[in-house]
Amino acid sequence: MIQIIWLGTLGVLYLFFIVMTPVKAPAPRKALAAVEVQKTVTEESKEEAKAAPAVVEVEPVDIEKGKTIYLAQCIKCHNKDPNIKGAIGPEVVDAPLEVMQHKVMTGRYPDVLPEGFEPKRKTKQMTKFPQYAKDVPSIHAYVQSLKKK
């Protein structure tokens, strides 16, 4: 009888260990964000205006910084796993960068949504975080690194 109790206790401890062991996120990847620079058209530069806009590479997106900001600010409403709905906010893994940028700056969806994007929730409870405007590409890259395929 004692042996059965002993084995049962070991089994429960083993299951507890398996369930409570955190799953590691995939290794962060550094991505480069490209920013298009648009030139103002003047009468002297009509020929330059016909040329395509220049693409300027900015410093690499910092996924670790995006993770820090997401875990400090976003999980108050969104889930720690961006693939799952949060208490107040929807899953954010499918949000395009433009939508995420606008939501962080204004707290609402843009007037014109990207083609194929459908808002998950129609509520207007998003808090504005304009101080993180320059960090949105890093947050977006972190969220996308956790996207389930």
N, C-alpha and C. Protein backbone atom coordinates (compact mmCIF):
# COMPACT_ATOMS: atom_id res chain seq x y z
N MET A 1 0.82 -1.18 0.00
CA MET A 1 0.00 0.00 0.00
C MET A 1 0.87 1.25 0.00
N ILE A 2 1.92 1.23 0.80
CA ILE A 2 2.82 2.38 0.87
C ILE A 2 3.52 2.58 -0.47
N GLN A 3 3.84 1.49 -1.15
CA GLN A 3 4.50 1.59 -2.45
C GLN A 3 3.57 2.26 -3.47
N ILE A 4 2.30 1.99 -3.45
CA ILE A 4 1.34 2.60 -4.37
C ILE A 4 1.24 4.09 -4.09
N ILE A 5 1.17 4.45 -2.83
CA ILE A 5 1.11 5.87 -2.46
C ILE A 5 2.39 6.57 -2.90
N TRP A 6 3.52 5.92 -2.70
CA TRP A 6 4.82 6.49 -3.08
C TRP A 6 4.89 6.71 -4.60
N LEU A 7 4.49 5.73 -5.37
CA LEU A 7 4.49 5.85 -6.82
C LEU A 7 3.50 6.91 -7.29
N GLY A 8 2.35 6.98 -6.66
CA GLY A 8 1.35 8.01 -7.02
C GLY A 8 1.89 9.41 -6.76
N THR A 9 2.58 9.59 -5.63
CA THR A 9 3.17 10.89 -5.29
C THR A 9 4.23 11.27 -6.31
N LEU A 10 5.08 10.31 -6.69
CA LEU A 10 6.11 10.59 -7.70
C LEU A 10 5.47 10.95 -9.04
N GLY A 11 4.39 10.27 -9.39
CA GLY A 11 3.69 10.56 -10.64
C GLY A 11 3.10 11.96 -10.65
N VAL A 12 2.51 12.36 -9.54
CA VAL A 12 1.94 13.71 -9.44
C VAL A 12 3.05 14.76 -9.53
N LEU A 13 4.16 14.53 -8.85
CA LEU A 13 5.28 15.48 -8.90
C LEU A 13 5.84 15.57 -10.32
N TYR A 14 5.92 14.45 -11.02
CA TYR A 14 6.42 14.44 -12.40
C TYR A 14 5.49 15.25 -13.31
N LEU A 15 4.19 15.02 -13.19
CA LEU A 15 3.22 15.78 -14.00
C LEU A 15 3.27 17.27 -13.66
N PHE A 16 3.38 17.59 -12.38
CA PHE A 16 3.49 19.00 -11.97
C PHE A 16 4.72 19.64 -12.60
N PHE A 17 5.84 18.95 -12.62
CA PHE A 17 7.07 19.47 -13.20
C PHE A 17 6.90 19.72 -14.70
N ILE A 18 6.26 18.80 -15.40
CA ILE A 18 6.05 18.94 -16.84
C ILE A 18 5.14 20.12 -17.14
N VAL A 19 4.06 20.26 -16.39
CA VAL A 19 3.09 21.33 -16.64
C VAL A 19 3.68 22.69 -16.29
N MET A 20 4.47 22.77 -15.25
CA MET A 20 4.96 24.07 -14.78
C MET A 20 6.26 24.51 -15.45
N THR A 21 6.90 23.66 -16.22
CA THR A 21 8.12 24.05 -16.91
C THR A 21 7.76 24.98 -18.07
N PRO A 22 8.30 26.21 -18.07
CA PRO A 22 7.94 27.15 -19.14
C PRO A 22 8.49 26.71 -20.49
N VAL A 23 7.75 27.02 -21.52
CA VAL A 23 8.16 26.72 -22.88
C VAL A 23 8.96 27.91 -23.39
N LYS A 24 10.14 27.65 -23.90
CA LYS A 24 10.98 28.74 -24.39
C LYS A 24 10.43 29.27 -25.70
N ALA A 25 10.46 30.60 -25.83
CA ALA A 25 10.08 31.23 -27.08
C ALA A 25 11.17 30.98 -28.10
N PRO A 26 10.84 31.06 -29.38
CA PRO A 26 11.88 30.87 -30.39
C PRO A 26 12.96 31.93 -30.26
N ALA A 27 14.15 31.58 -30.70
CA ALA A 27 15.27 32.53 -30.61
C ALA A 27 14.92 33.79 -31.38
N PRO A 28 15.19 34.97 -30.78
CA PRO A 28 14.84 36.22 -31.47
C PRO A 28 15.65 36.39 -32.75
N ARG A 29 14.98 36.95 -33.73
CA ARG A 29 15.63 37.24 -35.00
C ARG A 29 15.67 38.75 -35.15
N LYS A 30 16.76 39.24 -35.64
CA LYS A 30 16.88 40.67 -35.91
C LYS A 30 16.42 40.90 -37.35
N ALA A 31 15.57 41.88 -37.52
CA ALA A 31 15.06 42.19 -38.85
C ALA A 31 15.37 43.65 -39.16
N LEU A 32 15.49 43.94 -40.42
CA LEU A 32 15.72 45.32 -40.84
C LEU A 32 14.40 45.90 -41.31
N ALA A 33 14.13 47.09 -40.86
CA ALA A 33 12.95 47.80 -41.31
C ALA A 33 13.36 48.78 -42.39
N ALA A 34 12.55 48.90 -43.41
CA ALA A 34 12.85 49.83 -44.49
C ALA A 34 11.86 50.98 -44.42
N VAL A 35 12.34 52.15 -44.59
CA VAL A 35 11.51 53.34 -44.54
C VAL A 35 11.63 54.04 -45.88
N GLU A 36 10.49 54.37 -46.46
CA GLU A 36 10.51 55.08 -47.72
C GLU A 36 10.59 56.58 -47.43
N VAL A 37 11.48 57.23 -48.13
CA VAL A 37 11.64 58.67 -47.98
C VAL A 37 11.00 59.31 -49.19
N GLN A 38 10.04 60.19 -48.95
CA GLN A 38 9.39 60.86 -50.05
C GLN A 38 9.90 62.29 -50.13
N LYS A 39 10.19 62.74 -51.33
CA LYS A 39 10.73 64.07 -51.54
C LYS A 39 9.60 65.01 -51.93
N THR A 40 9.72 66.28 -51.55
CA THR A 40 8.74 67.26 -51.97
C THR A 40 9.06 67.66 -53.41
N VAL A 41 8.02 67.87 -54.18
CA VAL A 41 8.18 68.20 -55.59
C VAL A 41 8.18 69.71 -55.75
N THR A 42 9.24 70.22 -56.32
CA THR A 42 9.32 71.64 -56.64
C THR A 42 9.45 71.76 -58.15
N GLU A 43 9.31 72.94 -58.64
CA GLU A 43 9.40 73.14 -60.09
C GLU A 43 10.79 72.81 -60.60
N GLU A 44 11.82 73.02 -59.79
CA GLU A 44 13.18 72.74 -60.23
C GLU A 44 13.49 71.25 -60.26
N SER A 45 12.74 70.46 -59.50
CA SER A 45 13.09 69.05 -59.39
C SER A 45 12.04 68.13 -59.99
N LYS A 46 11.45 68.54 -61.12
CA LYS A 46 10.43 67.70 -61.76
C LYS A 46 11.02 66.38 -62.24
N GLU A 47 12.27 66.42 -62.70
CA GLU A 47 12.90 65.18 -63.15
C GLU A 47 13.13 64.23 -61.98
N GLU A 48 13.52 64.76 -60.82
CA GLU A 48 13.73 63.92 -59.65
C GLU A 48 12.41 63.34 -59.16
N ALA A 49 11.33 64.08 -59.35
CA ALA A 49 10.02 63.62 -58.90
C ALA A 49 9.54 62.41 -59.69
N LYS A 50 10.00 62.29 -60.93
CA LYS A 50 9.62 61.16 -61.76
C LYS A 50 10.28 59.86 -61.29
N ALA A 51 11.43 59.99 -60.63
CA ALA A 51 12.15 58.82 -60.14
C ALA A 51 11.40 58.20 -58.96
N ALA A 52 11.63 56.92 -58.75
CA ALA A 52 10.99 56.21 -57.63
C ALA A 52 11.55 56.73 -56.32
N PRO A 53 10.75 56.71 -55.24
CA PRO A 53 11.25 57.17 -53.94
C PRO A 53 12.40 56.28 -53.46
N ALA A 54 13.34 56.90 -52.78
CA ALA A 54 14.51 56.19 -52.28
C ALA A 54 14.13 55.37 -51.05
N VAL A 55 14.75 54.21 -50.89
CA VAL A 55 14.53 53.38 -49.72
C VAL A 55 15.78 53.48 -48.85
N VAL A 56 15.55 53.86 -47.60
CA VAL A 56 16.65 54.06 -46.67
C VAL A 56 16.54 53.00 -45.58
N GLU A 57 17.63 52.30 -45.33
CA GLU A 57 17.63 51.31 -44.25
C GLU A 57 17.90 52.03 -42.94
N VAL A 58 17.08 51.70 -41.95
CA VAL A 58 17.29 52.25 -40.62
C VAL A 58 17.97 51.20 -39.77
N GLU A 59 18.30 51.56 -38.55
CA GLU A 59 18.99 50.59 -37.70
C GLU A 59 18.13 49.34 -37.50
N PRO A 60 18.75 48.22 -37.21
CA PRO A 60 17.99 46.97 -37.09
C PRO A 60 16.92 47.05 -36.00
N VAL A 61 15.83 46.36 -36.24
CA VAL A 61 14.75 46.28 -35.27
C VAL A 61 15.26 45.46 -34.09
N ASP A 62 15.01 45.94 -32.89
CA ASP A 62 15.48 45.27 -31.69
C ASP A 62 14.34 44.45 -31.09
N ILE A 63 14.33 43.15 -31.37
CA ILE A 63 13.26 42.29 -30.90
C ILE A 63 13.24 42.21 -29.38
N GLU A 64 14.40 42.23 -28.76
CA GLU A 64 14.45 42.17 -27.29
C GLU A 64 13.79 43.41 -26.68
N LYS A 65 14.02 44.58 -27.27
CA LYS A 65 13.37 45.81 -26.79
C LYS A 65 11.87 45.71 -27.00
N GLY A 66 11.45 45.17 -28.15
CA GLY A 66 10.03 44.97 -28.41
C GLY A 66 9.40 44.03 -27.40
N LYS A 67 10.13 42.98 -27.05
CA LYS A 67 9.64 42.03 -26.04
C LYS A 67 9.48 42.71 -24.69
N THR A 68 10.47 43.51 -24.31
CA THR A 68 10.42 44.21 -23.03
C THR A 68 9.21 45.13 -22.96
N ILE A 69 9.00 45.91 -24.01
CA ILE A 69 7.87 46.84 -24.03
C ILE A 69 6.55 46.08 -24.04
N TYR A 70 6.46 45.03 -24.87
CA TYR A 70 5.22 44.25 -24.95
C TYR A 70 4.87 43.65 -23.58
N LEU A 71 5.87 43.06 -22.92
CA LEU A 71 5.60 42.43 -21.62
C LEU A 71 5.33 43.45 -20.53
N ALA A 72 5.87 44.66 -20.66
CA ALA A 72 5.66 45.68 -19.64
C ALA A 72 4.34 46.43 -19.84
N GLN A 73 3.94 46.67 -21.08
CA GLN A 73 2.78 47.52 -21.34
C GLN A 73 1.59 46.77 -21.92
N CYS A 74 1.84 45.94 -22.91
CA CYS A 74 0.74 45.39 -23.72
C CYS A 74 -0.04 44.28 -23.02
N ILE A 75 0.66 43.48 -22.18
CA ILE A 75 -0.04 42.33 -21.59
C ILE A 75 -1.00 42.75 -20.49
N LYS A 76 -1.08 44.03 -20.19
CA LYS A 76 -2.11 44.48 -19.25
C LYS A 76 -3.50 44.22 -19.83
N CYS A 77 -3.60 44.33 -21.15
CA CYS A 77 -4.88 44.10 -21.83
C CYS A 77 -4.83 42.91 -22.79
N HIS A 78 -3.70 42.74 -23.47
CA HIS A 78 -3.54 41.64 -24.42
C HIS A 78 -2.89 40.47 -23.70
N ASN A 79 -2.97 39.31 -24.30
CA ASN A 79 -2.42 38.11 -23.70
C ASN A 79 -0.90 38.10 -23.82
N LYS A 80 -0.23 37.41 -22.91
CA LYS A 80 1.22 37.26 -23.00
C LYS A 80 1.60 36.58 -24.31
N ASP A 81 0.76 35.66 -24.75
CA ASP A 81 0.93 35.01 -26.06
C ASP A 81 0.10 35.81 -27.06
N PRO A 82 0.73 36.52 -28.00
CA PRO A 82 -0.03 37.38 -28.92
C PRO A 82 -0.93 36.62 -29.88
N ASN A 83 -0.91 35.29 -29.85
CA ASN A 83 -1.79 34.48 -30.68
C ASN A 83 -3.16 34.26 -30.03
N ILE A 84 -3.29 34.67 -28.76
CA ILE A 84 -4.50 34.40 -27.98
C ILE A 84 -5.11 35.71 -27.51
N LYS A 85 -6.44 35.76 -27.42
CA LYS A 85 -7.14 36.95 -26.94
C LYS A 85 -6.74 37.24 -25.50
N GLY A 86 -6.68 38.52 -25.17
CA GLY A 86 -6.40 38.93 -23.80
C GLY A 86 -7.69 39.23 -23.06
N ALA A 87 -7.54 39.74 -21.84
CA ALA A 87 -8.70 40.07 -21.02
C ALA A 87 -9.56 41.15 -21.67
N ILE A 88 -8.91 42.15 -22.25
CA ILE A 88 -9.63 43.25 -22.89
C ILE A 88 -9.30 43.31 -24.38
N GLY A 89 -8.03 43.20 -24.71
CA GLY A 89 -7.58 43.35 -26.09
C GLY A 89 -7.57 42.05 -26.86
N PRO A 90 -7.68 42.16 -28.19
CA PRO A 90 -7.67 40.95 -29.03
C PRO A 90 -6.27 40.42 -29.24
N GLU A 91 -6.17 39.29 -29.94
CA GLU A 91 -4.86 38.78 -30.33
C GLU A 91 -4.26 39.77 -31.33
N VAL A 92 -2.96 39.99 -31.25
CA VAL A 92 -2.32 41.04 -32.06
C VAL A 92 -1.37 40.48 -33.10
N VAL A 93 -1.24 39.19 -33.20
CA VAL A 93 -0.24 38.60 -34.07
C VAL A 93 -0.52 38.88 -35.55
N ASP A 94 -1.78 39.07 -35.92
CA ASP A 94 -2.12 39.30 -37.33
C ASP A 94 -2.22 40.77 -37.70
N ALA A 95 -1.97 41.66 -36.76
CA ALA A 95 -2.09 43.09 -37.04
C ALA A 95 -0.92 43.57 -37.91
N PRO A 96 -1.22 44.21 -39.03
CA PRO A 96 -0.15 44.77 -39.86
C PRO A 96 0.57 45.91 -39.11
N LEU A 97 1.79 46.18 -39.52
CA LEU A 97 2.59 47.22 -38.87
C LEU A 97 1.88 48.56 -38.88
N GLU A 98 1.24 48.92 -40.02
CA GLU A 98 0.56 50.22 -40.11
C GLU A 98 -0.57 50.33 -39.09
N VAL A 99 -1.32 49.25 -38.93
CA VAL A 99 -2.43 49.26 -37.98
C VAL A 99 -1.89 49.36 -36.55
N MET A 100 -0.86 48.59 -36.25
CA MET A 100 -0.28 48.64 -34.92
C MET A 100 0.27 50.04 -34.61
N GLN A 101 0.93 50.64 -35.60
CA GLN A 101 1.49 51.99 -35.42
C GLN A 101 0.36 52.98 -35.11
N HIS A 102 -0.73 52.92 -35.86
CA HIS A 102 -1.84 53.84 -35.66
C HIS A 102 -2.52 53.61 -34.32
N LYS A 103 -2.72 52.34 -33.95
CA LYS A 103 -3.36 52.03 -32.67
C LYS A 103 -2.52 52.51 -31.49
N VAL A 104 -1.21 52.35 -31.57
CA VAL A 104 -0.34 52.80 -30.47
C VAL A 104 -0.37 54.32 -30.36
N MET A 105 -0.37 55.00 -31.51
CA MET A 105 -0.34 56.47 -31.50
C MET A 105 -1.67 57.09 -31.10
N THR A 106 -2.78 56.55 -31.58
CA THR A 106 -4.08 57.19 -31.39
C THR A 106 -5.05 56.42 -30.51
N GLY A 107 -4.81 55.13 -30.33
CA GLY A 107 -5.73 54.31 -29.55
C GLY A 107 -6.90 53.78 -30.36
N ARG A 108 -6.93 54.05 -31.65
CA ARG A 108 -8.04 53.57 -32.49
C ARG A 108 -7.51 53.04 -33.82
N TYR A 109 -8.38 52.35 -34.54
CA TYR A 109 -7.99 51.83 -35.84
C TYR A 109 -7.89 52.97 -36.85
N PRO A 110 -7.05 52.80 -37.87
CA PRO A 110 -7.00 53.83 -38.92
C PRO A 110 -8.34 53.90 -39.66
N ASP A 111 -8.62 55.06 -40.26
CA ASP A 111 -9.88 55.23 -41.00
C ASP A 111 -9.94 54.27 -42.19
N VAL A 112 -8.82 54.08 -42.86
CA VAL A 112 -8.76 53.16 -43.99
C VAL A 112 -7.88 51.98 -43.57
N LEU A 113 -8.50 50.81 -43.50
CA LEU A 113 -7.77 49.62 -43.07
C LEU A 113 -7.08 48.97 -44.27
N PRO A 114 -5.94 48.32 -44.03
CA PRO A 114 -5.27 47.59 -45.13
C PRO A 114 -6.19 46.51 -45.68
N GLU A 115 -6.04 46.23 -46.95
CA GLU A 115 -6.88 45.23 -47.61
C GLU A 115 -6.68 43.87 -46.96
N GLY A 116 -7.79 43.23 -46.64
CA GLY A 116 -7.75 41.90 -46.05
C GLY A 116 -7.68 41.91 -44.53
N PHE A 117 -7.50 43.07 -43.91
CA PHE A 117 -7.43 43.11 -42.45
C PHE A 117 -8.81 43.42 -41.89
N GLU A 118 -9.24 42.63 -40.93
CA GLU A 118 -10.52 42.82 -40.27
C GLU A 118 -10.26 42.98 -38.77
N PRO A 119 -10.70 44.09 -38.16
CA PRO A 119 -10.49 44.26 -36.71
C PRO A 119 -11.13 43.13 -35.92
N LYS A 120 -10.42 42.67 -34.89
CA LYS A 120 -10.93 41.58 -34.06
C LYS A 120 -12.02 42.05 -33.11
N ARG A 121 -11.88 43.28 -32.62
CA ARG A 121 -12.87 43.84 -31.70
C ARG A 121 -13.16 45.28 -32.12
N LYS A 122 -14.38 45.70 -31.93
CA LYS A 122 -14.79 47.05 -32.33
C LYS A 122 -14.71 48.05 -31.17
N THR A 123 -14.30 47.60 -30.00
CA THR A 123 -14.25 48.49 -28.84
C THR A 123 -13.20 49.57 -29.01
N LYS A 124 -13.35 50.64 -28.25
CA LYS A 124 -12.42 51.76 -28.33
C LYS A 124 -11.74 51.95 -26.97
N GLN A 125 -11.25 50.86 -26.41
CA GLN A 125 -10.66 50.91 -25.08
C GLN A 125 -9.14 51.00 -25.11
N MET A 126 -8.53 50.99 -26.27
CA MET A 126 -7.06 51.03 -26.38
C MET A 126 -6.53 52.35 -25.83
N THR A 127 -5.54 52.25 -24.99
CA THR A 127 -4.86 53.43 -24.45
C THR A 127 -3.81 53.89 -25.44
N LYS A 128 -3.65 55.20 -25.58
CA LYS A 128 -2.62 55.74 -26.47
C LYS A 128 -1.25 55.59 -25.80
N PHE A 129 -0.25 55.26 -26.59
CA PHE A 129 1.13 55.18 -26.12
C PHE A 129 2.05 55.89 -27.11
N PRO A 130 1.89 57.20 -27.32
CA PRO A 130 2.72 57.89 -28.32
C PRO A 130 4.20 57.85 -28.00
N GLN A 131 4.56 57.65 -26.75
CA GLN A 131 5.98 57.58 -26.38
C GLN A 131 6.68 56.36 -26.98
N TYR A 132 5.90 55.38 -27.44
CA TYR A 132 6.47 54.18 -28.04
C TYR A 132 6.38 54.17 -29.56
N ALA A 133 6.10 55.29 -30.17
CA ALA A 133 5.91 55.35 -31.63
C ALA A 133 7.12 54.82 -32.37
N LYS A 134 8.31 55.20 -31.94
CA LYS A 134 9.52 54.75 -32.64
C LYS A 134 9.85 53.28 -32.35
N ASP A 135 9.22 52.72 -31.34
CA ASP A 135 9.49 51.34 -30.96
C ASP A 135 8.47 50.34 -31.51
N VAL A 136 7.45 50.84 -32.20
CA VAL A 136 6.42 49.94 -32.73
C VAL A 136 7.01 48.89 -33.68
N PRO A 137 7.96 49.23 -34.57
CA PRO A 137 8.53 48.17 -35.40
C PRO A 137 9.19 47.05 -34.58
N SER A 138 9.81 47.40 -33.46
CA SER A 138 10.41 46.38 -32.60
C SER A 138 9.34 45.52 -31.93
N ILE A 139 8.26 46.16 -31.48
CA ILE A 139 7.16 45.41 -30.86
C ILE A 139 6.53 44.49 -31.90
N HIS A 140 6.31 45.03 -33.09
CA HIS A 140 5.71 44.24 -34.18
C HIS A 140 6.59 43.05 -34.53
N ALA A 141 7.90 43.27 -34.60
CA ALA A 141 8.82 42.17 -34.92
C ALA A 141 8.79 41.10 -33.83
N TYR A 142 8.72 41.51 -32.57
CA TYR A 142 8.64 40.54 -31.47
C TYR A 142 7.36 39.72 -31.58
N VAL A 143 6.23 40.39 -31.80
CA VAL A 143 4.95 39.70 -31.92
C VAL A 143 4.97 38.72 -33.09
N GLN A 144 5.53 39.15 -34.22
CA GLN A 144 5.58 38.29 -35.40
C GLN A 144 6.52 37.09 -35.18
N SER A 145 7.53 37.26 -34.33
CA SER A 145 8.45 36.14 -34.07
C SER A 145 7.75 35.02 -33.30
N LEU A 146 6.61 35.33 -32.67
CA LEU A 146 5.87 34.32 -31.92
C LEU A 146 4.67 33.78 -32.68
N LYS A 147 4.50 34.21 -33.91
CA LYS A 147 3.35 33.79 -34.71
C LYS A 147 3.39 32.28 -34.94
N LYS A 148 2.26 31.64 -34.66
CA LYS A 148 2.15 30.20 -34.88
C LYS A 148 1.84 29.97 -36.34
N LYS A 149 2.53 29.02 -36.93
CA LYS A 149 2.36 28.78 -38.36
C LYS A 149 1.38 27.72 -38.65
